[in-house]
Amino acid sequence: MKLCGKTDQPVSFVTFDLDYFKKINDVHGHLIGDEALKMAVNAAKSACLKK
């Protein structure tokens, strides 16, 4: 955030809750949970970049 302030670049944050994420980790393990998080982040990025 400091760098964005110094370089006059915009910054934003997205916060969301993944329903049943704990269950994914508990049933399938943390490696699959990590992949689920990556997929969620990529979906959010894709939605934000659409014009």
C-alpha atoms as a PDB file:
ATOM      1  CA  MET A   1       0.000   0.000   0.000  1.00  0.00           C
ATOM      2  CA  LYS A   2       2.886   2.342   0.690  1.00  0.00           C
ATOM      3  CA  LEU A   3       4.275   1.711  -2.792  1.00  0.00           C
ATOM      4  CA  CYS A   4       0.869   2.418  -4.353  1.00  0.00           C
ATOM      5  CA  GLY A   5       0.669   5.664  -2.400  1.00  0.00           C
ATOM      6  CA  LYS A   6       4.153   6.716  -3.443  1.00  0.00           C
ATOM      7  CA  THR A   7       3.566   5.852  -7.101  1.00  0.00           C
ATOM      8  CA  ASP A   8      -0.027   7.112  -7.214  1.00  0.00           C
ATOM      9  CA  GLN A   9      -1.313   3.668  -8.191  1.00  0.00           C
ATOM     10  CA  PRO A  10      -4.771   2.436  -7.210  1.00  0.00           C
ATOM     11  CA  VAL A  11      -5.121  -0.373  -4.712  1.00  0.00           C
ATOM     12  CA  SER A  12      -8.125  -2.434  -3.750  1.00  0.00           C
ATOM     13  CA  PHE A  13      -9.027  -5.364  -1.541  1.00  0.00           C
ATOM     14  CA  VAL A  14     -11.643  -8.034  -1.993  1.00  0.00           C
ATOM     15  CA  THR A  15     -12.965  -9.980   0.954  1.00  0.00           C
ATOM     16  CA  PHE A  16     -15.403 -12.841   0.650  1.00  0.00           C
ATOM     17  CA  ASP A  17     -16.466 -15.950   2.490  1.00  0.00           C
ATOM     18  CA  LEU A  18     -16.223 -19.336   0.828  1.00  0.00           C
ATOM     19  CA  ASP A  19     -19.154 -21.398   2.036  1.00  0.00           C
ATOM     20  CA  TYR A  20     -18.163 -24.851   3.233  1.00  0.00           C
ATOM     21  CA  PHE A  21     -14.446 -24.222   2.723  1.00  0.00           C
ATOM     22  CA  LYS A  22     -13.573 -25.867   6.053  1.00  0.00           C
ATOM     23  CA  LYS A  23     -15.404 -28.980   4.902  1.00  0.00           C
ATOM     24  CA  ILE A  24     -13.275 -29.098   1.735  1.00  0.00           C
ATOM     25  CA  ASN A  25     -10.119 -29.027   3.858  1.00  0.00           C
ATOM     26  CA  ASP A  26     -11.475 -31.577   6.344  1.00  0.00           C
ATOM     27  CA  VAL A  27     -12.704 -34.050   3.738  1.00  0.00           C
ATOM     28  CA  HIS A  28     -10.145 -33.646   0.948  1.00  0.00           C
ATOM     29  CA  GLY A  29      -7.083 -32.247   2.742  1.00  0.00           C
ATOM     30  CA  HIS A  30      -5.195 -28.988   2.662  1.00  0.00           C
ATOM     31  CA  LEU A  31      -3.616 -29.485  -0.761  1.00  0.00           C
ATOM     32  CA  ILE A  32      -7.058 -29.672  -2.358  1.00  0.00           C
ATOM     33  CA  GLY A  33      -8.168 -26.775  -0.156  1.00  0.00           C
ATOM     34  CA  ASP A  34      -5.263 -24.720  -1.469  1.00  0.00           C
ATOM     35  CA  GLU A  35      -6.324 -25.509  -5.033  1.00  0.00           C
ATOM     36  CA  ALA A  36      -9.890 -24.485  -4.205  1.00  0.00           C
ATOM     37  CA  LEU A  37      -8.598 -21.150  -2.888  1.00  0.00           C
ATOM     38  CA  LYS A  38      -6.561 -20.588  -6.042  1.00  0.00           C
ATOM     39  CA  MET A  39      -9.611 -21.315  -8.174  1.00  0.00           C
ATOM     40  CA  ALA A  40     -11.697 -18.856  -6.135  1.00  0.00           C
ATOM     41  CA  VAL A  41      -9.029 -16.151  -6.477  1.00  0.00           C
ATOM     42  CA  ASN A  42      -8.771 -16.694 -10.223  1.00  0.00           C
ATOM     43  CA  ALA A  43     -12.563 -16.484 -10.570  1.00  0.00           C
ATOM     44  CA  ALA A  44     -12.585 -13.221  -8.596  1.00  0.00           C
ATOM     45  CA  LYS A  45      -9.740 -11.800 -10.716  1.00  0.00           C
ATOM     46  CA  SER A  46     -11.548 -12.756 -13.883  1.00  0.00           C
ATOM     47  CA  ALA A  47     -14.768 -11.113 -12.712  1.00  0.00           C
ATOM     48  CA  CYS A  48     -12.909  -7.908 -11.774  1.00  0.00           C
ATOM     49  CA  LEU A  49     -11.096  -7.686 -15.101  1.00  0.00           C
ATOM     50  CA  LYS A  50     -14.210  -8.024 -17.272  1.00  0.00           C
ATOM     51  CA  LYS A  51     -15.332  -4.754 -18.804  1.00  0.00           C
END
